[in-house]
Amino acid sequence: MGKKQVEHTGQQGKQEFIFQKKNYTFFFVGLAFIALGFILMSGGGSDDPNVFNEDIYSFRRIRLAPTLVLIGLGVEIYAILLNPHKKKK
């Protein structure tokens, strides 16, 4: 009935990945920041639930670890938005 015919021009289009090596480098750096932030955030619990542990309010868990996670997320956003195909002037 209504078969569509596809016209082949004989030229093979070169397929490229969207992200390049530079993007993946920033991906892994951001992932390392996020992982380090979560590792620093862990712990601080008490074995005995009747005993309160003040370590949960340390600088490392309240300020440093969340800051590292946010920096890692910022690096990830930069890695996604980075255009390695952009030519320099």
C-alpha atoms as a PDB file:
ATOM      1  CA  MET A   1       0.000   0.000   0.000  1.00  0.00           C
ATOM      2  CA  GLY A   2       1.757   3.132   1.168  1.00  0.00           C
ATOM      3  CA  LYS A   3       5.370   2.039   1.607  1.00  0.00           C
ATOM      4  CA  LYS A   4       7.775   4.842   2.298  1.00  0.00           C
ATOM      5  CA  GLN A   5      11.064   4.655   0.566  1.00  0.00           C
ATOM      6  CA  VAL A   6      14.097   5.839   2.424  1.00  0.00           C
ATOM      7  CA  GLU A   7      16.705   7.489   0.298  1.00  0.00           C
ATOM      8  CA  HIS A   8      20.275   6.553   1.164  1.00  0.00           C
ATOM      9  CA  THR A   9      22.853   9.131   0.197  1.00  0.00           C
ATOM     10  CA  GLY A  10      25.785   6.806   0.608  1.00  0.00           C
ATOM     11  CA  GLN A  11      27.382   8.966   3.321  1.00  0.00           C
ATOM     12  CA  GLN A  12      27.805   7.463   6.738  1.00  0.00           C
ATOM     13  CA  GLY A  13      27.209   9.975   9.530  1.00  0.00           C
ATOM     14  CA  LYS A  14      29.940   9.873  12.146  1.00  0.00           C
ATOM     15  CA  GLN A  15      28.347   9.143  15.499  1.00  0.00           C
ATOM     16  CA  GLU A  16      29.773  10.987  18.469  1.00  0.00           C
ATOM     17  CA  PHE A  17      29.060  10.757  22.135  1.00  0.00           C
ATOM     18  CA  ILE A  18      27.381  13.735  23.730  1.00  0.00           C
ATOM     19  CA  PHE A  19      29.937  13.876  26.540  1.00  0.00           C
ATOM     20  CA  GLN A  20      33.683  13.851  26.091  1.00  0.00           C
ATOM     21  CA  LYS A  21      36.588  12.939  28.368  1.00  0.00           C
ATOM     22  CA  LYS A  22      36.512  16.361  30.047  1.00  0.00           C
ATOM     23  CA  ASN A  23      32.849  15.894  31.007  1.00  0.00           C
ATOM     24  CA  TYR A  24      33.476  12.472  32.515  1.00  0.00           C
ATOM     25  CA  THR A  25      36.441  13.804  34.485  1.00  0.00           C
ATOM     26  CA  PHE A  26      34.198  16.416  36.096  1.00  0.00           C
ATOM     27  CA  PHE A  27      31.525  13.749  36.674  1.00  0.00           C
ATOM     28  CA  PHE A  28      33.940  11.615  38.681  1.00  0.00           C
ATOM     29  CA  VAL A  29      35.320  14.595  40.618  1.00  0.00           C
ATOM     30  CA  GLY A  30      31.777  15.601  41.587  1.00  0.00           C
ATOM     31  CA  LEU A  31      30.940  12.039  42.531  1.00  0.00           C
ATOM     32  CA  ALA A  32      34.039  11.899  44.745  1.00  0.00           C
ATOM     33  CA  PHE A  33      32.978  15.117  46.537  1.00  0.00           C
ATOM     34  CA  ILE A  34      29.488  13.727  47.131  1.00  0.00           C
ATOM     35  CA  ALA A  35      30.798  10.376  48.385  1.00  0.00           C
ATOM     36  CA  LEU A  36      33.288  12.065  50.701  1.00  0.00           C
ATOM     37  CA  GLY A  37      30.524  14.291  52.071  1.00  0.00           C
ATOM     38  CA  PHE A  38      28.299  11.330  52.867  1.00  0.00           C
ATOM     39  CA  ILE A  39      31.179   9.411  54.434  1.00  0.00           C
ATOM     40  CA  LEU A  40      31.978  12.374  56.687  1.00  0.00           C
ATOM     41  CA  MET A  41      28.303  12.709  57.576  1.00  0.00           C
ATOM     42  CA  SER A  42      27.971   9.107  58.740  1.00  0.00           C
ATOM     43  CA  GLY A  43      28.497   7.823  62.250  1.00  0.00           C
ATOM     44  CA  GLY A  44      28.055   9.652  65.510  1.00  0.00           C
ATOM     45  CA  GLY A  45      25.399   7.349  66.847  1.00  0.00           C
ATOM     46  CA  SER A  46      25.400   5.790  70.250  1.00  0.00           C
ATOM     47  CA  ASP A  47      25.314   2.085  70.998  1.00  0.00           C
ATOM     48  CA  ASP A  48      23.051   2.712  73.973  1.00  0.00           C
ATOM     49  CA  PRO A  49      19.818   4.573  73.041  1.00  0.00           C
ATOM     50  CA  ASN A  50      19.545   5.957  76.587  1.00  0.00           C
ATOM     51  CA  VAL A  51      22.868   7.836  76.291  1.00  0.00           C
ATOM     52  CA  PHE A  52      23.069  11.068  74.265  1.00  0.00           C
ATOM     53  CA  ASN A  53      26.197  11.534  72.155  1.00  0.00           C
ATOM     54  CA  GLU A  54      27.342  15.124  71.522  1.00  0.00           C
ATOM     55  CA  ASP A  55      29.398  14.056  68.448  1.00  0.00           C
ATOM     56  CA  ILE A  56      26.310  14.335  66.285  1.00  0.00           C
ATOM     57  CA  TYR A  57      26.618  18.148  66.467  1.00  0.00           C
ATOM     58  CA  SER A  58      30.275  18.348  65.440  1.00  0.00           C
ATOM     59  CA  PHE A  59      31.529  20.789  62.807  1.00  0.00           C
ATOM     60  CA  ARG A  60      32.297  17.888  60.483  1.00  0.00           C
ATOM     61  CA  ARG A  61      28.710  16.620  60.388  1.00  0.00           C
ATOM     62  CA  ILE A  62      26.865  19.936  60.485  1.00  0.00           C
ATOM     63  CA  ARG A  63      28.968  22.191  58.222  1.00  0.00           C
ATOM     64  CA  LEU A  64      31.723  20.370  56.340  1.00  0.00           C
ATOM     65  CA  ALA A  65      29.905  17.289  55.043  1.00  0.00           C
ATOM     66  CA  PRO A  66      26.813  19.079  53.645  1.00  0.00           C
ATOM     67  CA  THR A  67      29.073  21.703  52.065  1.00  0.00           C
ATOM     68  CA  LEU A  68      31.049  18.979  50.291  1.00  0.00           C
ATOM     69  CA  VAL A  69      27.827  17.379  49.034  1.00  0.00           C
ATOM     70  CA  LEU A  70      26.600  20.730  47.665  1.00  0.00           C
ATOM     71  CA  ILE A  71      29.959  21.408  46.001  1.00  0.00           C
ATOM     72  CA  GLY A  72      29.786  17.943  44.435  1.00  0.00           C
ATOM     73  CA  LEU A  73      26.290  18.628  43.096  1.00  0.00           C
ATOM     74  CA  GLY A  74      27.512  21.927  41.649  1.00  0.00           C
ATOM     75  CA  VAL A  75      30.395  20.148  39.913  1.00  0.00           C
ATOM     76  CA  GLU A  76      27.944  17.588  38.505  1.00  0.00           C
ATOM     77  CA  ILE A  77      25.741  20.350  37.083  1.00  0.00           C
ATOM     78  CA  TYR A  78      28.818  21.990  35.558  1.00  0.00           C
ATOM     79  CA  ALA A  79      29.873  18.661  34.031  1.00  0.00           C
ATOM     80  CA  ILE A  80      26.472  18.255  32.407  1.00  0.00           C
ATOM     81  CA  LEU A  81      26.360  21.799  31.058  1.00  0.00           C
ATOM     82  CA  LEU A  82      29.990  21.827  29.870  1.00  0.00           C
ATOM     83  CA  ASN A  83      30.177  21.881  26.092  1.00  0.00           C
ATOM     84  CA  PRO A  84      33.473  20.310  24.944  1.00  0.00           C
ATOM     85  CA  HIS A  85      32.613  20.973  21.286  1.00  0.00           C
ATOM     86  CA  LYS A  86      32.618  24.741  21.781  1.00  0.00           C
ATOM     87  CA  LYS A  87      35.453  26.347  19.857  1.00  0.00           C
ATOM     88  CA  LYS A  88      37.682  28.917  21.491  1.00  0.00           C
ATOM     89  CA  LYS A  89      38.033  32.304  19.859  1.00  0.00           C
END
